[in-house]
Every structure is written in structure tokens, then in C-alpha cells.
Amino acid sequence: MKTFMTFIVTALLAAGSAHAAERAQFYIPDKPTKLVYLFTCEADSRDEIDANWEKAKAIFASDHQAEAARLETETKAQRESGHAPSQAAIDAHNVEYNTHKAAVEADLAPLGCTMNGLMHMP
């Protein structure tokens, strides 16, 4: 019985590893705004990830990069101003940000990609 259970567990593990997804991280530098956008893509193979990343990169660049830069530039300027924004301004910015984030997620999800965030370049 012990041998049979070991066989079953081994078979299940092997089956699970055969379906394990590949994962890769990518970035897009945006030199004019001094930002780097971070992404993760998952697929069944590295070739599929690479093909999907090329599509995701093009979609982000054409449909979302300008808006991401605008939102982050506004946030950075606000922080550097030293003045606290009104609650109405914060709420309005959050609505814009959440709308943008949802649009990026909706466009990249079919390709197995997600935007993980951004970093400021020195």
C-alpha cells in the first residue's frame, strides 16, 4: 500500500510539473519621465512568453504609457510641492489611477502579463 501511495504521489507531482507555467519579468524604461515600468508575464513556454511580451509591450506603449507617465508626474509634483492636496483632489486622482490600472490589466491579462508597478530612475 505504501508503494502504491508513493507511486500516486509521484505521478501527481509529475503531472503537475508538466503543466507548470513559465514566468518572466520585463521592464520598459521611459527616459523622458525617468520611470521604469515593471511587468511579469506567464505562459506555458518561454517562446510563448516572448511573443506575448512583444504584444504587451506594444499595447502598453501605444495605449497606456503616456497616461501612466502623466499620473506619476502629477503625483511626484504634488509630493515635491510640500502642500497636502485636498481630499477631493486625492479622490479624483485615485479614480483616474484606478481607471488606468483597470484598463492596463484588461489589455494585458489575455496575454498572461501584468504590470507590477514602476520605479523612479535617478
N, C-alpha and C. Protein backbone atom coordinates (compact mmCIF):
# COMPACT_ATOMS: atom_id res chain seq x y z
N MET A 1 0.83 -1.20 0.00
CA MET A 1 0.00 0.00 0.00
C MET A 1 0.87 1.25 0.00
N LYS A 2 1.96 1.22 0.79
CA LYS A 2 2.85 2.37 0.88
C LYS A 2 3.48 2.65 -0.49
N THR A 3 3.87 1.60 -1.20
CA THR A 3 4.48 1.74 -2.52
C THR A 3 3.46 2.32 -3.50
N PHE A 4 2.23 1.86 -3.40
CA PHE A 4 1.19 2.36 -4.28
C PHE A 4 0.94 3.85 -4.05
N MET A 5 0.89 4.28 -2.78
CA MET A 5 0.68 5.70 -2.46
C MET A 5 1.86 6.54 -2.95
N THR A 6 3.06 6.02 -2.81
CA THR A 6 4.25 6.73 -3.29
C THR A 6 4.16 6.91 -4.81
N PHE A 7 3.71 5.87 -5.49
CA PHE A 7 3.55 5.93 -6.94
C PHE A 7 2.52 7.00 -7.33
N ILE A 8 1.41 7.03 -6.63
CA ILE A 8 0.34 8.00 -6.92
C ILE A 8 0.85 9.43 -6.69
N VAL A 9 1.51 9.67 -5.58
CA VAL A 9 2.03 11.00 -5.27
C VAL A 9 3.04 11.43 -6.32
N THR A 10 3.93 10.52 -6.69
CA THR A 10 4.94 10.82 -7.71
C THR A 10 4.28 11.14 -9.05
N ALA A 11 3.27 10.38 -9.41
CA ALA A 11 2.56 10.62 -10.67
C ALA A 11 1.86 11.97 -10.66
N LEU A 12 1.26 12.31 -9.54
CA LEU A 12 0.59 13.61 -9.45
C LEU A 12 1.59 14.76 -9.52
N LEU A 13 2.70 14.62 -8.86
CA LEU A 13 3.73 15.66 -8.92
C LEU A 13 4.27 15.82 -10.32
N ALA A 14 4.49 14.72 -11.01
CA ALA A 14 4.99 14.77 -12.38
C ALA A 14 3.97 15.43 -13.30
N ALA A 15 2.71 15.09 -13.11
CA ALA A 15 1.66 15.70 -13.93
C ALA A 15 1.56 17.20 -13.66
N GLY A 16 1.69 17.57 -12.41
CA GLY A 16 1.63 18.99 -12.06
C GLY A 16 2.79 19.76 -12.63
N SER A 17 3.98 19.18 -12.61
CA SER A 17 5.15 19.90 -13.14
C SER A 17 5.09 20.00 -14.65
N ALA A 18 4.41 19.08 -15.32
CA ALA A 18 4.28 19.15 -16.77
C ALA A 18 3.45 20.35 -17.18
N HIS A 19 2.56 20.81 -16.31
CA HIS A 19 1.69 21.94 -16.61
C HIS A 19 2.14 23.23 -15.94
N ALA A 20 3.30 23.21 -15.35
CA ALA A 20 3.80 24.40 -14.66
C ALA A 20 4.06 25.50 -15.68
N ALA A 21 3.62 26.68 -15.36
CA ALA A 21 3.79 27.81 -16.26
C ALA A 21 5.18 28.41 -16.11
N GLU A 22 5.68 28.90 -17.21
CA GLU A 22 6.92 29.66 -17.20
C GLU A 22 6.57 31.08 -16.78
N ARG A 23 7.54 31.78 -16.20
CA ARG A 23 7.31 33.15 -15.76
C ARG A 23 8.56 33.96 -16.07
N ALA A 24 8.36 35.20 -16.51
CA ALA A 24 9.49 36.07 -16.78
C ALA A 24 9.11 37.50 -16.43
N GLN A 25 10.11 38.26 -16.01
CA GLN A 25 9.89 39.67 -15.68
C GLN A 25 10.56 40.54 -16.74
N PHE A 26 9.89 41.65 -17.04
CA PHE A 26 10.36 42.57 -18.06
C PHE A 26 10.23 44.00 -17.55
N TYR A 27 10.86 44.91 -18.22
CA TYR A 27 10.71 46.32 -17.88
C TYR A 27 10.75 47.18 -19.13
N ILE A 28 10.15 48.35 -19.03
CA ILE A 28 10.18 49.34 -20.10
C ILE A 28 10.73 50.62 -19.49
N PRO A 29 11.90 51.06 -19.93
CA PRO A 29 12.41 52.35 -19.43
C PRO A 29 11.73 53.50 -20.17
N ASP A 30 11.43 54.54 -19.46
CA ASP A 30 10.83 55.76 -20.03
C ASP A 30 11.75 56.91 -19.63
N LYS A 31 12.77 57.14 -20.44
CA LYS A 31 13.81 58.10 -20.10
C LYS A 31 13.31 59.53 -19.93
N PRO A 32 12.41 60.02 -20.78
CA PRO A 32 11.96 61.41 -20.59
C PRO A 32 11.33 61.67 -19.22
N THR A 33 10.60 60.69 -18.71
CA THR A 33 9.95 60.87 -17.41
C THR A 33 10.76 60.26 -16.26
N LYS A 34 11.88 59.63 -16.60
CA LYS A 34 12.75 58.97 -15.62
C LYS A 34 12.01 57.91 -14.81
N LEU A 35 11.22 57.09 -15.54
CA LEU A 35 10.47 55.99 -14.93
C LEU A 35 10.85 54.68 -15.60
N VAL A 36 10.71 53.59 -14.85
CA VAL A 36 10.85 52.25 -15.39
C VAL A 36 9.60 51.49 -14.98
N TYR A 37 8.87 50.96 -15.98
CA TYR A 37 7.65 50.20 -15.72
C TYR A 37 8.01 48.71 -15.63
N LEU A 38 7.48 48.03 -14.62
CA LEU A 38 7.82 46.63 -14.34
C LEU A 38 6.65 45.71 -14.67
N PHE A 39 6.94 44.59 -15.32
CA PHE A 39 5.91 43.65 -15.77
C PHE A 39 6.32 42.22 -15.48
N THR A 40 5.33 41.33 -15.37
CA THR A 40 5.54 39.89 -15.29
C THR A 40 4.61 39.24 -16.31
N CYS A 41 5.15 38.27 -17.04
CA CYS A 41 4.34 37.51 -17.99
C CYS A 41 4.48 36.03 -17.67
N GLU A 42 3.39 35.30 -17.83
CA GLU A 42 3.36 33.86 -17.62
C GLU A 42 2.75 33.18 -18.83
N ALA A 43 3.28 32.02 -19.18
CA ALA A 43 2.74 31.21 -20.27
C ALA A 43 3.30 29.80 -20.13
N ASP A 44 2.91 28.92 -21.03
CA ASP A 44 3.35 27.54 -20.97
C ASP A 44 4.80 27.36 -21.41
N SER A 45 5.32 28.27 -22.22
CA SER A 45 6.70 28.14 -22.69
C SER A 45 7.36 29.51 -22.76
N ARG A 46 8.67 29.50 -22.81
CA ARG A 46 9.41 30.76 -22.92
C ARG A 46 9.14 31.43 -24.26
N ASP A 47 8.97 30.65 -25.31
CA ASP A 47 8.66 31.22 -26.62
C ASP A 47 7.32 31.95 -26.60
N GLU A 48 6.34 31.36 -25.93
CA GLU A 48 5.02 32.00 -25.82
C GLU A 48 5.11 33.28 -24.98
N ILE A 49 5.89 33.24 -23.91
CA ILE A 49 6.10 34.43 -23.09
C ILE A 49 6.71 35.54 -23.93
N ASP A 50 7.75 35.21 -24.69
CA ASP A 50 8.42 36.22 -25.51
C ASP A 50 7.47 36.83 -26.54
N ALA A 51 6.67 35.99 -27.18
CA ALA A 51 5.70 36.50 -28.17
C ALA A 51 4.65 37.38 -27.51
N ASN A 52 4.15 36.94 -26.36
CA ASN A 52 3.13 37.73 -25.65
C ASN A 52 3.72 39.03 -25.12
N TRP A 53 4.98 39.00 -24.67
CA TRP A 53 5.61 40.21 -24.16
C TRP A 53 5.74 41.26 -25.27
N GLU A 54 6.09 40.84 -26.46
CA GLU A 54 6.19 41.79 -27.57
C GLU A 54 4.84 42.47 -27.83
N LYS A 55 3.77 41.69 -27.77
CA LYS A 55 2.42 42.25 -27.95
C LYS A 55 2.06 43.18 -26.78
N ALA A 56 2.34 42.74 -25.56
CA ALA A 56 2.01 43.53 -24.37
C ALA A 56 2.79 44.84 -24.37
N LYS A 57 4.06 44.78 -24.75
CA LYS A 57 4.90 45.98 -24.78
C LYS A 57 4.33 46.99 -25.78
N ALA A 58 3.91 46.52 -26.93
CA ALA A 58 3.34 47.42 -27.94
C ALA A 58 2.02 48.03 -27.47
N ILE A 59 1.18 47.21 -26.82
CA ILE A 59 -0.11 47.72 -26.31
C ILE A 59 0.14 48.77 -25.24
N PHE A 60 1.04 48.49 -24.31
CA PHE A 60 1.31 49.44 -23.24
C PHE A 60 1.86 50.74 -23.81
N ALA A 61 2.81 50.65 -24.73
CA ALA A 61 3.42 51.85 -25.31
C ALA A 61 2.40 52.70 -26.06
N SER A 62 1.52 52.07 -26.80
CA SER A 62 0.57 52.85 -27.61
C SER A 62 -0.66 53.31 -26.84
N ASP A 63 -1.10 52.53 -25.87
CA ASP A 63 -2.38 52.83 -25.21
C ASP A 63 -2.28 53.32 -23.77
N HIS A 64 -1.16 53.06 -23.09
CA HIS A 64 -1.14 53.32 -21.64
C HIS A 64 0.07 54.08 -21.11
N GLN A 65 1.17 54.07 -21.81
CA GLN A 65 2.39 54.65 -21.27
C GLN A 65 2.27 56.15 -21.01
N ALA A 66 1.68 56.88 -21.90
CA ALA A 66 1.54 58.33 -21.71
C ALA A 66 0.69 58.64 -20.48
N GLU A 67 -0.37 57.90 -20.28
CA GLU A 67 -1.24 58.12 -19.12
C GLU A 67 -0.53 57.73 -17.83
N ALA A 68 0.21 56.64 -17.84
CA ALA A 68 0.97 56.24 -16.66
C ALA A 68 1.99 57.32 -16.29
N ALA A 69 2.66 57.84 -17.28
CA ALA A 69 3.65 58.90 -17.03
C ALA A 69 2.98 60.16 -16.50
N ARG A 70 1.84 60.52 -17.06
CA ARG A 70 1.12 61.72 -16.61
C ARG A 70 0.70 61.57 -15.15
N LEU A 71 0.12 60.44 -14.81
CA LEU A 71 -0.34 60.23 -13.44
C LEU A 71 0.83 60.24 -12.46
N GLU A 72 1.93 59.60 -12.80
CA GLU A 72 3.07 59.56 -11.90
C GLU A 72 3.73 60.93 -11.80
N THR A 73 3.77 61.67 -12.89
CA THR A 73 4.35 63.02 -12.86
C THR A 73 3.52 63.93 -11.96
N GLU A 74 2.20 63.82 -12.04
CA GLU A 74 1.33 64.60 -11.15
C GLU A 74 1.56 64.24 -9.69
N THR A 75 1.66 62.96 -9.41
CA THR A 75 1.89 62.51 -8.04
C THR A 75 3.23 63.02 -7.52
N LYS A 76 4.26 62.90 -8.33
CA LYS A 76 5.59 63.35 -7.92
C LYS A 76 5.61 64.86 -7.67
N ALA A 77 4.97 65.62 -8.56
CA ALA A 77 4.93 67.08 -8.40
C ALA A 77 4.18 67.46 -7.12
N GLN A 78 3.10 66.74 -6.85
CA GLN A 78 2.33 67.01 -5.64
C GLN A 78 3.17 66.75 -4.40
N ARG A 79 3.87 65.64 -4.38
CA ARG A 79 4.72 65.31 -3.22
C ARG A 79 5.81 66.34 -3.03
N GLU A 80 6.42 66.77 -4.12
CA GLU A 80 7.52 67.73 -4.04
C GLU A 80 7.07 69.14 -3.71
N SER A 81 5.78 69.42 -3.86
CA SER A 81 5.27 70.77 -3.58
C SER A 81 5.29 71.09 -2.09
N GLY A 82 5.22 70.05 -1.28
CA GLY A 82 5.21 70.27 0.16
C GLY A 82 3.85 70.64 0.72
N HIS A 83 2.84 70.69 -0.13
CA HIS A 83 1.48 71.03 0.30
C HIS A 83 0.58 69.81 0.17
N ALA A 84 -0.21 69.58 1.17
CA ALA A 84 -1.15 68.47 1.13
C ALA A 84 -2.31 68.80 0.20
N PRO A 85 -2.66 67.87 -0.69
CA PRO A 85 -3.80 68.13 -1.57
C PRO A 85 -5.11 68.00 -0.80
N SER A 86 -6.14 68.55 -1.37
CA SER A 86 -7.46 68.42 -0.76
C SER A 86 -7.94 66.98 -0.90
N GLN A 87 -8.90 66.61 -0.08
CA GLN A 87 -9.44 65.26 -0.18
C GLN A 87 -10.10 65.06 -1.54
N ALA A 88 -10.73 66.09 -2.07
CA ALA A 88 -11.37 65.99 -3.39
C ALA A 88 -10.32 65.72 -4.47
N ALA A 89 -9.15 66.38 -4.37
CA ALA A 89 -8.08 66.16 -5.34
C ALA A 89 -7.53 64.74 -5.22
N ILE A 90 -7.38 64.26 -4.00
CA ILE A 90 -6.91 62.89 -3.78
C ILE A 90 -7.89 61.90 -4.37
N ASP A 91 -9.17 62.10 -4.09
CA ASP A 91 -10.21 61.20 -4.60
C ASP A 91 -10.24 61.20 -6.12
N ALA A 92 -10.13 62.38 -6.73
CA ALA A 92 -10.14 62.47 -8.19
C ALA A 92 -8.93 61.75 -8.80
N HIS A 93 -7.78 61.93 -8.18
CA HIS A 93 -6.58 61.26 -8.67
C HIS A 93 -6.71 59.74 -8.53
N ASN A 94 -7.26 59.28 -7.40
CA ASN A 94 -7.45 57.84 -7.18
C ASN A 94 -8.39 57.24 -8.21
N VAL A 95 -9.44 57.98 -8.59
CA VAL A 95 -10.37 57.49 -9.61
C VAL A 95 -9.63 57.35 -10.94
N GLU A 96 -8.84 58.36 -11.31
CA GLU A 96 -8.07 58.30 -12.56
C GLU A 96 -7.09 57.14 -12.53
N TYR A 97 -6.38 57.00 -11.42
CA TYR A 97 -5.39 55.93 -11.29
C TYR A 97 -6.05 54.55 -11.39
N ASN A 98 -7.14 54.35 -10.67
CA ASN A 98 -7.81 53.05 -10.68
C ASN A 98 -8.39 52.73 -12.05
N THR A 99 -8.88 53.73 -12.76
CA THR A 99 -9.39 53.53 -14.11
C THR A 99 -8.25 53.11 -15.04
N HIS A 100 -7.14 53.81 -14.93
CA HIS A 100 -5.96 53.48 -15.74
C HIS A 100 -5.46 52.07 -15.42
N LYS A 101 -5.35 51.75 -14.14
CA LYS A 101 -4.87 50.43 -13.73
C LYS A 101 -5.77 49.32 -14.27
N ALA A 102 -7.07 49.51 -14.20
CA ALA A 102 -8.02 48.51 -14.70
C ALA A 102 -7.89 48.35 -16.22
N ALA A 103 -7.66 49.44 -16.93
CA ALA A 103 -7.51 49.37 -18.38
C ALA A 103 -6.24 48.60 -18.76
N VAL A 104 -5.15 48.87 -18.05
CA VAL A 104 -3.90 48.14 -18.31
C VAL A 104 -4.10 46.66 -18.02
N GLU A 105 -4.70 46.33 -16.90
CA GLU A 105 -4.94 44.93 -16.54
C GLU A 105 -5.80 44.23 -17.58
N ALA A 106 -6.86 44.91 -18.04
CA ALA A 106 -7.77 44.31 -19.02
C ALA A 106 -7.06 44.04 -20.34
N ASP A 107 -6.18 44.94 -20.75
CA ASP A 107 -5.48 44.77 -22.03
C ASP A 107 -4.37 43.73 -21.97
N LEU A 108 -3.69 43.61 -20.82
CA LEU A 108 -2.55 42.70 -20.73
C LEU A 108 -2.91 41.30 -20.25
N ALA A 109 -4.00 41.17 -19.52
CA ALA A 109 -4.38 39.86 -18.95
C ALA A 109 -4.54 38.77 -20.00
N PRO A 110 -5.16 39.02 -21.16
CA PRO A 110 -5.28 37.95 -22.16
C PRO A 110 -3.92 37.44 -22.66
N LEU A 111 -2.88 38.24 -22.48
CA LEU A 111 -1.54 37.85 -22.90
C LEU A 111 -0.75 37.20 -21.77
N GLY A 112 -1.37 37.07 -20.60
CA GLY A 112 -0.70 36.48 -19.45
C GLY A 112 0.27 37.43 -18.78
N CYS A 113 0.11 38.73 -19.01
CA CYS A 113 1.04 39.72 -18.47
C CYS A 113 0.32 40.64 -17.48
N THR A 114 1.08 41.10 -16.50
CA THR A 114 0.57 42.07 -15.54
C THR A 114 1.62 43.17 -15.36
N MET A 115 1.15 44.37 -15.07
CA MET A 115 2.06 45.46 -14.71
C MET A 115 2.20 45.43 -13.20
N ASN A 116 3.44 45.28 -12.73
CA ASN A 116 3.68 45.16 -11.30
C ASN A 116 3.95 46.48 -10.62
N GLY A 117 4.22 47.51 -11.37
CA GLY A 117 4.50 48.81 -10.76
C GLY A 117 5.50 49.58 -11.58
N LEU A 118 6.10 50.56 -10.92
CA LEU A 118 7.10 51.37 -11.58
C LEU A 118 8.13 51.82 -10.58
N MET A 119 9.27 52.23 -11.10
CA MET A 119 10.35 52.74 -10.27
C MET A 119 10.83 54.06 -10.87
N HIS A 120 11.38 54.92 -10.02
CA HIS A 120 11.96 56.16 -10.50
C HIS A 120 13.44 55.95 -10.76
N MET A 121 13.90 56.42 -11.91
CA MET A 121 15.33 56.37 -12.22
C MET A 121 16.00 57.59 -11.63
N PRO A 122 17.24 57.46 -11.20
CA PRO A 122 17.95 58.63 -10.66
C PRO A 122 18.27 59.66 -11.75
